Amino acid sequence: MLKWIAVLLLVTPAIVVADTELEFHLCSPYVQKSMTGERTDMGWPVYVKLTELGATSFETFTEANIGKMTRIVVIGRQFSRATIWTPIPSGNLHGIFSSQEVATAWQRTLEGELPAAPCGERKS
């Protein structure tokens, strides 16, 4: 019986952490422009420049969530996922993808008709 209690106590924090992973949603008021880059050792990059409103919101989000795993989401799909180690005031984001075709598709999505909402932080 004590063995099961110990297992439950060890597993519970992991379940709570998994349930509270943070998301930052990109939307039309937040994205100024995007572009694909040249292939790197890690894959094909897509760069996103946020508007002033988006950059301010993302900086506030990163300041409040240092050390936490976060996802950047576009129209319900994960654009990137990383742990925040420092506030990001620049408004410059990027994702790395496995092929030029996937990167180009993301760039088109970001330059296309993004919804006006949801924008900013949401808990998944």
PDB file of N, CA and C in Angstrom:
ATOM      1  N   MET A   1       0.824  -1.194   0.000  1.00  0.00           N
ATOM      2  CA  MET A   1       0.000   0.000   0.000  1.00  0.00           C
ATOM      3  C   MET A   1       0.872   1.264   0.000  1.00  0.00           C
ATOM      4  N   LEU A   2       1.883   1.286   0.859  1.00  0.00           N
ATOM      5  CA  LEU A   2       2.769   2.449   0.908  1.00  0.00           C
ATOM      6  C   LEU A   2       3.504   2.647  -0.409  1.00  0.00           C
ATOM      7  N   LYS A   3       3.806   1.553  -1.073  1.00  0.00           N
ATOM      8  CA  LYS A   3       4.487   1.617  -2.365  1.00  0.00           C
ATOM      9  C   LYS A   3       3.624   2.378  -3.383  1.00  0.00           C
ATOM     10  N   TRP A   4       2.320   2.110  -3.413  1.00  0.00           N
ATOM     11  CA  TRP A   4       1.417   2.784  -4.353  1.00  0.00           C
ATOM     12  C   TRP A   4       1.271   4.262  -4.018  1.00  0.00           C
ATOM     13  N   ILE A   5       1.253   4.593  -2.755  1.00  0.00           N
ATOM     14  CA  ILE A   5       1.171   5.995  -2.356  1.00  0.00           C
ATOM     15  C   ILE A   5       2.412   6.738  -2.833  1.00  0.00           C
ATOM     16  N   ALA A   6       3.584   6.125  -2.678  1.00  0.00           N
ATOM     17  CA  ALA A   6       4.826   6.754  -3.149  1.00  0.00           C
ATOM     18  C   ALA A   6       4.793   6.966  -4.653  1.00  0.00           C
ATOM     19  N   VAL A   7       4.296   5.996  -5.392  1.00  0.00           N
ATOM     20  CA  VAL A   7       4.199   6.124  -6.850  1.00  0.00           C
ATOM     21  C   VAL A   7       3.256   7.264  -7.221  1.00  0.00           C
ATOM     22  N   LEU A   8       2.110   7.339  -6.573  1.00  0.00           N
ATOM     23  CA  LEU A   8       1.154   8.421  -6.848  1.00  0.00           C
ATOM     24  C   LEU A   8       1.748   9.784  -6.550  1.00  0.00           C
ATOM     25  N   LEU A   9       2.486   9.903  -5.457  1.00  0.00           N
ATOM     26  CA  LEU A   9       3.108  11.176  -5.116  1.00  0.00           C
ATOM     27  C   LEU A   9       4.172  11.577  -6.130  1.00  0.00           C
ATOM     28  N   LEU A  10       4.884  10.624  -6.676  1.00  0.00           N
ATOM     29  CA  LEU A  10       5.906  10.919  -7.676  1.00  0.00           C
ATOM     30  C   LEU A  10       5.299  11.265  -9.024  1.00  0.00           C
ATOM     31  N   VAL A  11       4.194  10.652  -9.387  1.00  0.00           N
ATOM     32  CA  VAL A  11       3.574  10.861 -10.692  1.00  0.00           C
ATOM     33  C   VAL A  11       2.732  12.125 -10.728  1.00  0.00           C
ATOM     34  N   THR A  12       2.106  12.486  -9.642  1.00  0.00           N
ATOM     35  CA  THR A  12       1.192  13.627  -9.610  1.00  0.00           C
ATOM     36  C   THR A  12       1.841  14.924 -10.091  1.00  0.00           C
ATOM     37  N   PRO A  13       3.042  15.315  -9.644  1.00  0.00           N
ATOM     38  CA  PRO A  13       3.627  16.553 -10.157  1.00  0.00           C
ATOM     39  C   PRO A  13       3.816  16.526 -11.675  1.00  0.00           C
ATOM     40  N   ALA A  14       4.178  15.400 -12.246  1.00  0.00           N
ATOM     41  CA  ALA A  14       4.362  15.308 -13.697  1.00  0.00           C
ATOM     42  C   ALA A  14       3.044  15.499 -14.413  1.00  0.00           C
ATOM     43  N   ILE A  15       1.974  14.967 -13.872  1.00  0.00           N
ATOM     44  CA  ILE A  15       0.664  15.138 -14.486  1.00  0.00           C
ATOM     45  C   ILE A  15       0.235  16.597 -14.419  1.00  0.00           C
ATOM     46  N   VAL A  16       0.445  17.245 -13.286  1.00  0.00           N
ATOM     47  CA  VAL A  16       0.087  18.650 -13.132  1.00  0.00           C
ATOM     48  C   VAL A  16       0.886  19.512 -14.093  1.00  0.00           C
ATOM     49  N   VAL A  17       2.182  19.271 -14.221  1.00  0.00           N
ATOM     50  CA  VAL A  17       3.019  20.034 -15.145  1.00  0.00           C
ATOM     51  C   VAL A  17       2.557  19.840 -16.582  1.00  0.00           C
ATOM     52  N   ALA A  18       2.249  18.620 -16.970  1.00  0.00           N
ATOM     53  CA  ALA A  18       1.811  18.350 -18.330  1.00  0.00           C
ATOM     54  C   ALA A  18       0.513  19.070 -18.640  1.00  0.00           C
ATOM     55  N   ASP A  19      -0.381  19.174 -17.668  1.00  0.00           N
ATOM     56  CA  ASP A  19      -1.669  19.822 -17.884  1.00  0.00           C
ATOM     57  C   ASP A  19      -1.553  21.335 -17.995  1.00  0.00           C
ATOM     58  N   THR A  20      -0.471  21.916 -17.510  1.00  0.00           N
ATOM     59  CA  THR A  20      -0.365  23.363 -17.482  1.00  0.00           C
ATOM     60  C   THR A  20       0.660  23.908 -18.478  1.00  0.00           C
ATOM     61  N   GLU A  21       0.998  23.154 -19.501  1.00  0.00           N
ATOM     62  CA  GLU A  21       1.934  23.666 -20.501  1.00  0.00           C
ATOM     63  C   GLU A  21       1.328  24.911 -21.136  1.00  0.00           C
ATOM     64  N   LEU A  22       2.137  25.938 -21.266  1.00  0.00           N
ATOM     65  CA  LEU A  22       1.655  27.221 -21.765  1.00  0.00           C
ATOM     66  C   LEU A  22       1.704  27.290 -23.282  1.00  0.00           C
ATOM     67  N   GLU A  23       0.791  28.061 -23.835  1.00  0.00           N
ATOM     68  CA  GLU A  23       0.761  28.301 -25.273  1.00  0.00           C
ATOM     69  C   GLU A  23       0.705  29.804 -25.514  1.00  0.00           C
ATOM     70  N   PHE A  24       1.394  30.227 -26.573  1.00  0.00           N
ATOM     71  CA  PHE A  24       1.305  31.605 -27.049  1.00  0.00           C
ATOM     72  C   PHE A  24       0.796  31.529 -28.470  1.00  0.00           C
ATOM     73  N   HIS A  25      -0.374  32.096 -28.717  1.00  0.00           N
ATOM     74  CA  HIS A  25      -1.015  32.005 -30.026  1.00  0.00           C
ATOM     75  C   HIS A  25      -0.685  33.229 -30.884  1.00  0.00           C
ATOM     76  N   LEU A  26      -0.249  32.947 -32.112  1.00  0.00           N
ATOM     77  CA  LEU A  26      -0.020  34.017 -33.076  1.00  0.00           C
ATOM     78  C   LEU A  26      -1.305  34.256 -33.855  1.00  0.00           C
ATOM     79  N   CYS A  27      -1.613  35.517 -34.095  1.00  0.00           N
ATOM     80  CA  CYS A  27      -2.828  35.910 -34.803  1.00  0.00           C
ATOM     81  C   CYS A  27      -2.493  37.093 -35.704  1.00  0.00           C
ATOM     82  N   SER A  28      -3.454  37.514 -36.519  1.00  0.00           N
ATOM     83  CA  SER A  28      -3.173  38.581 -37.485  1.00  0.00           C
ATOM     84  C   SER A  28      -2.696  39.884 -36.840  1.00  0.00           C
ATOM     85  N   PRO A  29      -3.232  40.334 -35.694  1.00  0.00           N
ATOM     86  CA  PRO A  29      -2.704  41.565 -35.105  1.00  0.00           C
ATOM     87  C   PRO A  29      -1.278  41.443 -34.561  1.00  0.00           C
ATOM     88  N   TYR A  30      -0.763  40.215 -34.427  1.00  0.00           N
ATOM     89  CA  TYR A  30       0.562  40.000 -33.851  1.00  0.00           C
ATOM     90  C   TYR A  30       1.665  39.758 -34.873  1.00  0.00           C
ATOM     91  N   VAL A  31       1.336  39.362 -36.084  1.00  0.00           N
ATOM     92  CA  VAL A  31       2.357  38.989 -37.074  1.00  0.00           C
ATOM     93  C   VAL A  31       2.513  40.094 -38.116  1.00  0.00           C
ATOM     94  N   GLN A  32       3.716  40.653 -38.183  1.00  0.00           N
ATOM     95  CA  GLN A  32       4.015  41.686 -39.172  1.00  0.00           C
ATOM     96  C   GLN A  32       4.441  41.054 -40.490  1.00  0.00           C
ATOM     97  N   LYS A  33       5.406  40.108 -40.426  1.00  0.00           N
ATOM     98  CA  LYS A  33       5.857  39.417 -41.634  1.00  0.00           C
ATOM     99  C   LYS A  33       6.550  38.119 -41.254  1.00  0.00           C
ATOM    100  N   SER A  34       6.724  37.269 -42.259  1.00  0.00           N
ATOM    101  CA  SER A  34       7.466  36.023 -42.055  1.00  0.00           C
ATOM    102  C   SER A  34       8.250  35.723 -43.323  1.00  0.00           C
ATOM    103  N   MET A  35       9.292  34.917 -43.146  1.00  0.00           N
ATOM    104  CA  MET A  35      10.101  34.517 -44.303  1.00  0.00           C
ATOM    105  C   MET A  35      10.831  33.227 -43.994  1.00  0.00           C
ATOM    106  N   THR A  36      11.136  32.478 -45.034  1.00  0.00           N
ATOM    107  CA  THR A  36      11.932  31.262 -44.862  1.00  0.00           C
ATOM    108  C   THR A  36      13.399  31.629 -45.010  1.00  0.00           C
ATOM    109  N   GLY A  37      14.253  30.831 -44.399  1.00  0.00           N
ATOM    110  CA  GLY A  37      15.687  31.056 -44.488  1.00  0.00           C
ATOM    111  C   GLY A  37      16.362  29.918 -45.223  1.00  0.00           C
ATOM    112  N   GLU A  38      17.649  30.035 -45.343  1.00  0.00           N
ATOM    113  CA  GLU A  38      18.452  28.985 -45.964  1.00  0.00           C
ATOM    114  C   GLU A  38      18.572  27.802 -45.014  1.00  0.00           C
ATOM    115  N   ARG A  39      18.714  26.618 -45.586  1.00  0.00           N
ATOM    116  CA  ARG A  39      18.838  25.389 -44.794  1.00  0.00           C
ATOM    117  C   ARG A  39      20.036  25.478 -43.858  1.00  0.00           C
ATOM    118  N   THR A  40      19.842  25.000 -42.630  1.00  0.00           N
ATOM    119  CA  THR A  40      20.915  24.921 -41.643  1.00  0.00           C
ATOM    120  C   THR A  40      21.125  23.448 -41.289  1.00  0.00           C
ATOM    121  N   ASP A  41      22.057  23.181 -40.395  1.00  0.00           N
ATOM    122  CA  ASP A  41      22.280  21.809 -39.926  1.00  0.00           C
ATOM    123  C   ASP A  41      21.048  21.240 -39.225  1.00  0.00           C
ATOM    124  N   MET A  42      20.225  22.115 -38.670  1.00  0.00           N
ATOM    125  CA  MET A  42      19.048  21.672 -37.919  1.00  0.00           C
ATOM    126  C   MET A  42      17.800  21.540 -38.798  1.00  0.00           C
ATOM    127  N   GLY A  43      17.792  22.156 -39.975  1.00  0.00           N
ATOM    128  CA  GLY A  43      16.630  22.091 -40.857  1.00  0.00           C
ATOM    129  C   GLY A  43      16.376  23.420 -41.548  1.00  0.00           C
ATOM    130  N   TRP A  44      15.126  23.610 -41.975  1.00  0.00           N
ATOM    131  CA  TRP A  44      14.731  24.809 -42.704  1.00  0.00           C
ATOM    132  C   TRP A  44      14.037  25.784 -41.751  1.00  0.00           C
ATOM    133  N   PRO A  45      14.599  26.985 -41.570  1.00  0.00           N
ATOM    134  CA  PRO A  45      13.998  27.941 -40.635  1.00  0.00           C
ATOM    135  C   PRO A  45      12.896  28.792 -41.278  1.00  0.00           C
ATOM    136  N   VAL A  46      11.957  29.179 -40.437  1.00  0.00           N
ATOM    137  CA  VAL A  46      10.959  30.180 -40.784  1.00  0.00           C
ATOM    138  C   VAL A  46      11.063  31.257 -39.708  1.00  0.00           C
ATOM    139  N   TYR A  47      11.268  32.494 -40.149  1.00  0.00           N
ATOM    140  CA  TYR A  47      11.418  33.624 -39.238  1.00  0.00           C
ATOM    141  C   TYR A  47      10.128  34.433 -39.215  1.00  0.00           C
ATOM    142  N   VAL A  48       9.753  34.885 -38.028  1.00  0.00           N
ATOM    143  CA  VAL A  48       8.539  35.675 -37.850  1.00  0.00           C
ATOM    144  C   VAL A  48       8.907  36.972 -37.152  1.00  0.00           C
ATOM    145  N   LYS A  49       8.486  38.080 -37.714  1.00  0.00           N
ATOM    146  CA  LYS A  49       8.641  39.393 -37.087  1.00  0.00           C
ATOM    147  C   LYS A  49       7.279  39.797 -36.558  1.00  0.00           C
ATOM    148  N   LEU A  50       7.208  40.026 -35.248  1.00  0.00           N
ATOM    149  CA  LEU A  50       5.948  40.414 -34.638  1.00  0.00           C
ATOM    150  C   LEU A  50       5.718  41.913 -34.758  1.00  0.00           C
ATOM    151  N   THR A  51       4.453  42.307 -34.745  1.00  0.00           N
ATOM    152  CA  THR A  51       4.105  43.722 -34.697  1.00  0.00           C
ATOM    153  C   THR A  51       4.501  44.267 -33.323  1.00  0.00           C
ATOM    154  N   GLU A  52       4.393  45.556 -33.140  1.00  0.00           N
ATOM    155  CA  GLU A  52       4.709  46.146 -31.838  1.00  0.00           C
ATOM    156  C   GLU A  52       3.799  45.560 -30.753  1.00  0.00           C
ATOM    157  N   LEU A  53       2.523  45.413 -31.063  1.00  0.00           N
ATOM    158  CA  LEU A  53       1.575  44.815 -30.120  1.00  0.00           C
ATOM    159  C   LEU A  53       1.962  43.373 -29.789  1.00  0.00           C
ATOM    160  N   GLY A  54       2.294  42.592 -30.811  1.00  0.00           N
ATOM    161  CA  GLY A  54       2.700  41.200 -30.609  1.00  0.00           C
ATOM    162  C   GLY A  54       3.993  41.079 -29.823  1.00  0.00           C
ATOM    163  N   ALA A  55       4.963  41.944 -30.140  1.00  0.00           N
ATOM    164  CA  ALA A  55       6.256  41.911 -29.443  1.00  0.00           C
ATOM    165  C   ALA A  55       6.094  42.261 -27.966  1.00  0.00           C
ATOM    166  N   THR A  56       5.265  43.247 -27.672  1.00  0.00           N
ATOM    167  CA  THR A  56       5.022  43.637 -26.282  1.00  0.00           C
ATOM    168  C   THR A  56       4.341  42.499 -25.523  1.00  0.00           C
ATOM    169  N   SER A  57       3.348  41.892 -26.142  1.00  0.00           N
ATOM    170  CA  SER A  57       2.644  40.781 -25.514  1.00  0.00           C
ATOM    171  C   SER A  57       3.578  39.593 -25.292  1.00  0.00           C
ATOM    172  N   PHE A  58       4.420  39.273 -26.280  1.00  0.00           N
ATOM    173  CA  PHE A  58       5.342  38.152 -26.152  1.00  0.00           C
ATOM    174  C   PHE A  58       6.412  38.430 -25.095  1.00  0.00           C
ATOM    175  N   GLU A  59       6.879  39.660 -25.005  1.00  0.00           N
ATOM    176  CA  GLU A  59       7.862  40.003 -23.975  1.00  0.00           C
ATOM    177  C   GLU A  59       7.253  39.818 -22.583  1.00  0.00           C
ATOM    178  N   THR A  60       6.041  40.293 -22.388  1.00  0.00           N
ATOM    179  CA  THR A  60       5.356  40.127 -21.107  1.00  0.00           C
ATOM    180  C   THR A  60       5.176  38.647 -20.781  1.00  0.00           C
ATOM    181  N   PHE A  61       4.771  37.876 -21.781  1.00  0.00           N
ATOM    182  CA  PHE A  61       4.586  36.438 -21.630  1.00  0.00           C
ATOM    183  C   PHE A  61       5.894  35.753 -21.230  1.00  0.00           C
ATOM    184  N   THR A  62       6.985  36.075 -21.905  1.00  0.00           N
ATOM    185  CA  THR A  62       8.266  35.423 -21.602  1.00  0.00           C
ATOM    186  C   THR A  62       8.811  35.855 -20.242  1.00  0.00           C
ATOM    187  N   GLU A  63       8.617  37.111 -19.864  1.00  0.00           N
ATOM    188  CA  GLU A  63       9.059  37.569 -18.536  1.00  0.00           C
ATOM    189  C   GLU A  63       8.356  36.791 -17.429  1.00  0.00           C
ATOM    190  N   ALA A  64       7.080  36.522 -17.620  1.00  0.00           N
ATOM    191  CA  ALA A  64       6.280  35.853 -16.585  1.00  0.00           C
ATOM    192  C   ALA A  64       6.481  34.343 -16.551  1.00  0.00           C
ATOM    193  N   ASN A  65       7.138  33.778 -17.566  1.00  0.00           N
ATOM    194  CA  ASN A  65       7.200  32.318 -17.671  1.00  0.00           C
ATOM    195  C   ASN A  65       8.609  31.761 -17.841  1.00  0.00           C
ATOM    196  N   ILE A  66       9.594  32.420 -17.274  1.00  0.00           N
ATOM    197  CA  ILE A  66      10.977  31.943 -17.351  1.00  0.00           C
ATOM    198  C   ILE A  66      11.084  30.563 -16.693  1.00  0.00           C
ATOM    199  N   GLY A  67      11.758  29.659 -17.394  1.00  0.00           N
ATOM    200  CA  GLY A  67      11.953  28.307 -16.907  1.00  0.00           C
ATOM    201  C   GLY A  67      10.827  27.351 -17.266  1.00  0.00           C
ATOM    202  N   LYS A  68       9.829  27.835 -17.972  1.00  0.00           N
ATOM    203  CA  LYS A  68       8.683  26.987 -18.313  1.00  0.00           C
ATOM    204  C   LYS A  68       8.705  26.593 -19.787  1.00  0.00           C
ATOM    205  N   MET A  69       8.203  25.391 -20.060  1.00  0.00           N
ATOM    206  CA  MET A  69       8.050  24.905 -21.423  1.00  0.00           C
ATOM    207  C   MET A  69       6.833  25.588 -22.049  1.00  0.00           C
ATOM    208  N   THR A  70       7.022  26.116 -23.248  1.00  0.00           N
ATOM    209  CA  THR A  70       5.928  26.797 -23.929  1.00  0.00           C
ATOM    210  C   THR A  70       5.852  26.364 -25.384  1.00  0.00           C
ATOM    211  N   ARG A  71       4.674  26.548 -25.932  1.00  0.00           N
ATOM    212  CA  ARG A  71       4.447  26.259 -27.348  1.00  0.00           C
ATOM    213  C   ARG A  71       3.965  27.528 -28.024  1.00  0.00           C
ATOM    214  N   ILE A  72       4.464  27.784 -29.231  1.00  0.00           N
ATOM    215  CA  ILE A  72       3.922  28.848 -30.066  1.00  0.00           C
ATOM    216  C   ILE A  72       2.986  28.164 -31.043  1.00  0.00           C
ATOM    217  N   VAL A  73       1.737  28.621 -31.063  1.00  0.00           N
ATOM    218  CA  VAL A  73       0.679  27.960 -31.806  1.00  0.00           C
ATOM    219  C   VAL A  73       0.115  28.905 -32.865  1.00  0.00           C
ATOM    220  N   VAL A  74      -0.127  28.346 -34.053  1.00  0.00           N
ATOM    221  CA  VAL A  74      -0.730  29.089 -35.154  1.00  0.00           C
ATOM    222  C   VAL A  74      -1.907  28.263 -35.672  1.00  0.00           C
ATOM    223  N   ILE A  75      -3.079  28.818 -35.595  1.00  0.00           N
ATOM    224  CA  ILE A  75      -4.306  28.165 -36.063  1.00  0.00           C
ATOM    225  C   ILE A  75      -4.398  26.721 -35.533  1.00  0.00           C
ATOM    226  N   GLY A  76      -4.161  26.565 -34.245  1.00  0.00           N
ATOM    227  CA  GLY A  76      -4.288  25.259 -33.608  1.00  0.00           C
ATOM    228  C   GLY A  76      -3.144  24.286 -33.848  1.00  0.00           C
ATOM    229  N   ARG A  77      -2.103  24.712 -34.563  1.00  0.00           N
ATOM    230  CA  ARG A  77      -0.954  23.838 -34.845  1.00  0.00           C
ATOM    231  C   ARG A  77       0.298  24.402 -34.182  1.00  0.00           C
ATOM    232  N   GLN A  78       1.143  23.509 -33.689  1.00  0.00           N
ATOM    233  CA  GLN A  78       2.377  23.919 -33.028  1.00  0.00           C
ATOM    234  C   GLN A  78       3.399  24.398 -34.051  1.00  0.00           C
ATOM    235  N   PHE A  79       3.812  25.656 -33.918  1.00  0.00           N
ATOM    236  CA  PHE A  79       4.855  26.229 -34.761  1.00  0.00           C
ATOM    237  C   PHE A  79       6.232  25.937 -34.156  1.00  0.00           C
ATOM    238  N   SER A  80       6.348  26.106 -32.847  1.00  0.00           N
ATOM    239  CA  SER A  80       7.597  25.768 -32.158  1.00  0.00           C
ATOM    240  C   SER A  80       7.295  25.499 -30.690  1.00  0.00           C
ATOM    241  N   ARG A  81       8.286  24.879 -30.030  1.00  0.00           N
ATOM    242  CA  ARG A  81       8.155  24.518 -28.624  1.00  0.00           C
ATOM    243  C   ARG A  81       9.524  24.650 -27.989  1.00  0.00           C
ATOM    244  N   ALA A  82       9.591  25.348 -26.857  1.00  0.00           N
ATOM    245  CA  ALA A  82      10.876  25.549 -26.198  1.00  0.00           C
ATOM    246  C   ALA A  82      10.665  25.974 -24.753  1.00  0.00           C
ATOM    247  N   THR A  83      11.727  25.850 -23.977  1.00  0.00           N
ATOM    248  CA  THR A  83      11.738  26.370 -22.618  1.00  0.00           C
ATOM    249  C   THR A  83      12.221  27.808 -22.684  1.00  0.00           C
ATOM    250  N   ILE A  84      11.540  28.685 -21.983  1.00  0.00           N
ATOM    251  CA  ILE A  84      11.923  30.101 -21.948  1.00  0.00           C
ATOM    252  C   ILE A  84      13.008  30.276 -20.897  1.00  0.00           C
ATOM    253  N   TRP A  85      14.161  30.803 -21.309  1.00  0.00           N
ATOM    254  CA  TRP A  85      15.277  31.008 -20.381  1.00  0.00           C
ATOM    255  C   TRP A  85      15.493  32.471 -20.047  1.00  0.00           C
ATOM    256  N   THR A  86      14.948  33.370 -20.877  1.00  0.00           N
ATOM    257  CA  THR A  86      15.133  34.797 -20.660  1.00  0.00           C
ATOM    258  C   THR A  86      13.981  35.540 -21.352  1.00  0.00           C
ATOM    259  N   PRO A  87      13.628  36.732 -20.892  1.00  0.00           N
ATOM    260  CA  PRO A  87      12.595  37.499 -21.608  1.00  0.00           C
ATOM    261  C   PRO A  87      13.038  37.776 -23.045  1.00  0.00           C
ATOM    262  N   ILE A  88      12.088  37.793 -23.946  1.00  0.00           N
ATOM    263  CA  ILE A  88      12.397  38.018 -25.364  1.00  0.00           C
ATOM    264  C   ILE A  88      11.696  39.304 -25.821  1.00  0.00           C
ATOM    265  N   PRO A  89      12.427  40.426 -25.824  1.00  0.00           N
ATOM    266  CA  PRO A  89      11.823  41.709 -26.174  1.00  0.00           C
ATOM    267  C   PRO A  89      11.868  42.044 -27.666  1.00  0.00           C
ATOM    268  N   SER A  90      12.591  41.273 -28.455  1.00  0.00           N
ATOM    269  CA  SER A  90      12.858  41.650 -29.848  1.00  0.00           C
ATOM    270  C   SER A  90      11.663  41.510 -30.783  1.00  0.00           C
ATOM    271  N   GLY A  91      10.732  40.617 -30.457  1.00  0.00           N
ATOM    272  CA  GLY A  91       9.622  40.369 -31.371  1.00  0.00           C
ATOM    273  C   GLY A  91      10.015  39.511 -32.551  1.00  0.00           C
ATOM    274  N   ASN A  92      11.160  38.855 -32.473  1.00  0.00           N
ATOM    275  CA  ASN A  92      11.624  37.954 -33.532  1.00  0.00           C
ATOM    276  C   ASN A  92      11.523  36.511 -33.055  1.00  0.00           C
ATOM    277  N   LEU A  93      10.805  35.690 -33.802  1.00  0.00           N
ATOM    278  CA  LEU A  93      10.628  34.278 -33.487  1.00  0.00           C
ATOM    279  C   LEU A  93      11.093  33.444 -34.663  1.00  0.00           C
ATOM    280  N   HIS A  94      11.332  32.165 -34.421  1.00  0.00           N
ATOM    281  CA  HIS A  94      11.628  31.272 -35.542  1.00  0.00           C
ATOM    282  C   HIS A  94      11.267  29.837 -35.175  1.00  0.00           C
ATOM    283  N   GLY A  95      10.995  29.078 -36.212  1.00  0.00           N
ATOM    284  CA  GLY A  95      10.762  27.654 -36.079  1.00  0.00           C
ATOM    285  C   GLY A  95      11.664  26.943 -37.069  1.00  0.00           C
ATOM    286  N   ILE A  96      12.017  25.712 -36.796  1.00  0.00           N
ATOM    287  CA  ILE A  96      12.873  24.910 -37.681  1.00  0.00           C
ATOM    288  C   ILE A  96      12.065  23.708 -38.146  1.00  0.00           C
ATOM    289  N   PHE A  97      12.120  23.435 -39.444  1.00  0.00           N
ATOM    290  CA  PHE A  97      11.309  22.362 -40.016  1.00  0.00           C
ATOM    291  C   PHE A  97      12.156  21.409 -40.847  1.00  0.00           C
ATOM    292  N   SER A  98      11.627  20.215 -41.048  1.00  0.00           N
ATOM    293  CA  SER A  98      12.385  19.124 -41.650  1.00  0.00           C
ATOM    294  C   SER A  98      12.619  19.273 -43.151  1.00  0.00           C
ATOM    295  N   SER A  99      11.784  20.034 -43.838  1.00  0.00           N
ATOM    296  CA  SER A  99      11.960  20.171 -45.291  1.00  0.00           C
ATOM    297  C   SER A  99      11.622  21.586 -45.730  1.00  0.00           C
ATOM    298  N   GLN A 100      12.091  21.931 -46.908  1.00  0.00           N
ATOM    299  CA  GLN A 100      11.801  23.242 -47.471  1.00  0.00           C
ATOM    300  C   GLN A 100      10.300  23.380 -47.742  1.00  0.00           C
ATOM    301  N   GLU A 101       9.652  22.290 -48.147  1.00  0.00           N
ATOM    302  CA  GLU A 101       8.220  22.325 -48.431  1.00  0.00           C
ATOM    303  C   GLU A 101       7.418  22.649 -47.175  1.00  0.00           C
ATOM    304  N   VAL A 102       7.780  22.026 -46.061  1.00  0.00           N
ATOM    305  CA  VAL A 102       7.078  22.284 -44.798  1.00  0.00           C
ATOM    306  C   VAL A 102       7.321  23.726 -44.355  1.00  0.00           C
ATOM    307  N   ALA A 103       8.560  24.189 -44.449  1.00  0.00           N
ATOM    308  CA  ALA A 103       8.882  25.568 -44.072  1.00  0.00           C
ATOM    309  C   ALA A 103       8.117  26.562 -44.935  1.00  0.00           C
ATOM    310  N   THR A 104       8.052  26.308 -46.234  1.00  0.00           N
ATOM    311  CA  THR A 104       7.328  27.198 -47.145  1.00  0.00           C
ATOM    312  C   THR A 104       5.840  27.215 -46.819  1.00  0.00           C
ATOM    313  N   ALA A 105       5.284  26.070 -46.490  1.00  0.00           N
ATOM    314  CA  ALA A 105       3.868  26.004 -46.115  1.00  0.00           C
ATOM    315  C   ALA A 105       3.609  26.837 -44.852  1.00  0.00           C
ATOM    316  N   TRP A 106       4.499  26.742 -43.870  1.00  0.00           N
ATOM    317  CA  TRP A 106       4.352  27.556 -42.665  1.00  0.00           C
ATOM    318  C   TRP A 106       4.447  29.034 -42.989  1.00  0.00           C
ATOM    319  N   GLN A 107       5.410  29.391 -43.813  1.00  0.00           N
ATOM    320  CA  GLN A 107       5.584  30.803 -44.168  1.00  0.00           C
ATOM    321  C   GLN A 107       4.328  31.326 -44.860  1.00  0.00           C
ATOM    322  N   ARG A 108       3.751  30.563 -45.738  1.00  0.00           N
ATOM    323  CA  ARG A 108       2.508  30.973 -46.422  1.00  0.00           C
ATOM    324  C   ARG A 108       1.360  31.122 -45.432  1.00  0.00           C
ATOM    325  N   THR A 109       1.271  30.210 -44.480  1.00  0.00           N
ATOM    326  CA  THR A 109       0.232  30.303 -43.454  1.00  0.00           C
ATOM    327  C   THR A 109       0.389  31.593 -42.656  1.00  0.00           C
ATOM    328  N   LEU A 110       1.620  31.900 -42.263  1.00  0.00           N
ATOM    329  CA  LEU A 110       1.881  33.094 -41.463  1.00  0.00           C
ATOM    330  C   LEU A 110       1.650  34.384 -42.240  1.00  0.00           C
ATOM    331  N   GLU A 111       1.858  34.361 -43.537  1.00  0.00           N
ATOM    332  CA  GLU A 111       1.643  35.536 -44.380  1.00  0.00           C
ATOM    333  C   GLU A 111       0.198  35.628 -44.867  1.00  0.00           C
ATOM    334  N   GLY A 112      -0.541  34.540 -44.733  1.00  0.00           N
ATOM    335  CA  GLY A 112      -1.902  34.490 -45.255  1.00  0.00           C
ATOM    336  C   GLY A 112      -2.927  35.031 -44.289  1.00  0.00           C
ATOM    337  N   GLU A 113      -4.068  34.432 -44.341  1.00  0.00           N
ATOM    338  CA  GLU A 113      -5.204  34.871 -43.543  1.00  0.00           C
ATOM    339  C   GLU A 113      -5.170  34.282 -42.131  1.00  0.00           C
ATOM    340  N   LEU A 114      -4.408  34.875 -41.257  1.00  0.00           N
ATOM    341  CA  LEU A 114      -4.414  34.447 -39.861  1.00  0.00           C
ATOM    342  C   LEU A 114      -5.684  34.970 -39.199  1.00  0.00           C
ATOM    343  N   PRO A 115      -6.223  34.217 -38.270  1.00  0.00           N
ATOM    344  CA  PRO A 115      -7.417  34.703 -37.571  1.00  0.00           C
ATOM    345  C   PRO A 115      -7.069  35.875 -36.662  1.00  0.00           C
ATOM    346  N   ALA A 116      -8.059  36.674 -36.326  1.00  0.00           N
ATOM    347  CA  ALA A 116      -7.858  37.798 -35.420  1.00  0.00           C
ATOM    348  C   ALA A 116      -7.731  37.336 -33.968  1.00  0.00           C
ATOM    349  N   ALA A 117      -8.169  36.126 -33.694  1.00  0.00           N
ATOM    350  CA  ALA A 117      -8.077  35.559 -32.338  1.00  0.00           C
ATOM    351  C   ALA A 117      -8.037  34.046 -32.463  1.00  0.00           C
ATOM    352  N   PRO A 118      -7.521  33.307 -31.531  1.00  0.00           N
ATOM    353  CA  PRO A 118      -6.979  33.775 -30.259  1.00  0.00           C
ATOM    354  C   PRO A 118      -5.592  34.392 -30.429  1.00  0.00           C
ATOM    355  N   CYS A 119      -5.288  35.317 -29.554  1.00  0.00           N
ATOM    356  CA  CYS A 119      -3.980  35.975 -29.532  1.00  0.00           C
ATOM    357  C   CYS A 119      -3.368  35.816 -28.147  1.00  0.00           C
ATOM    358  N   GLY A 120      -2.060  35.630 -28.128  1.00  0.00           N
ATOM    359  CA  GLY A 120      -1.340  35.652 -26.864  1.00  0.00           C
ATOM    360  C   GLY A 120      -1.422  34.370 -26.063  1.00  0.00           C
ATOM    361  N   GLU A 121      -1.265  34.530 -24.746  1.00  0.00           N
ATOM    362  CA  GLU A 121      -1.135  33.397 -23.844  1.00  0.00           C
ATOM    363  C   GLU A 121      -2.450  32.671 -23.621  1.00  0.00           C
ATOM    364  N   ARG A 122      -2.325  31.337 -23.633  1.00  0.00           N
ATOM    365  CA  ARG A 122      -3.434  30.441 -23.275  1.00  0.00           C
ATOM    366  C   ARG A 122      -2.812  29.209 -22.646  1.00  0.00           C
ATOM    367  N   LYS A 123      -3.498  28.622 -21.706  1.00  0.00           N
ATOM    368  CA  LYS A 123      -3.039  27.367 -21.114  1.00  0.00           C
ATOM    369  C   LYS A 123      -3.695  26.233 -21.853  1.00  0.00           C
ATOM    370  N   SER A 124      -2.873  25.211 -22.203  1.00  0.00           N
ATOM    371  CA  SER A 124      -3.412  24.073 -22.951  1.00  0.00           C
ATOM    372  C   SER A 124      -4.080  23.079 -22.028  1.00  0.00           C
TER     373      SER A 124
END
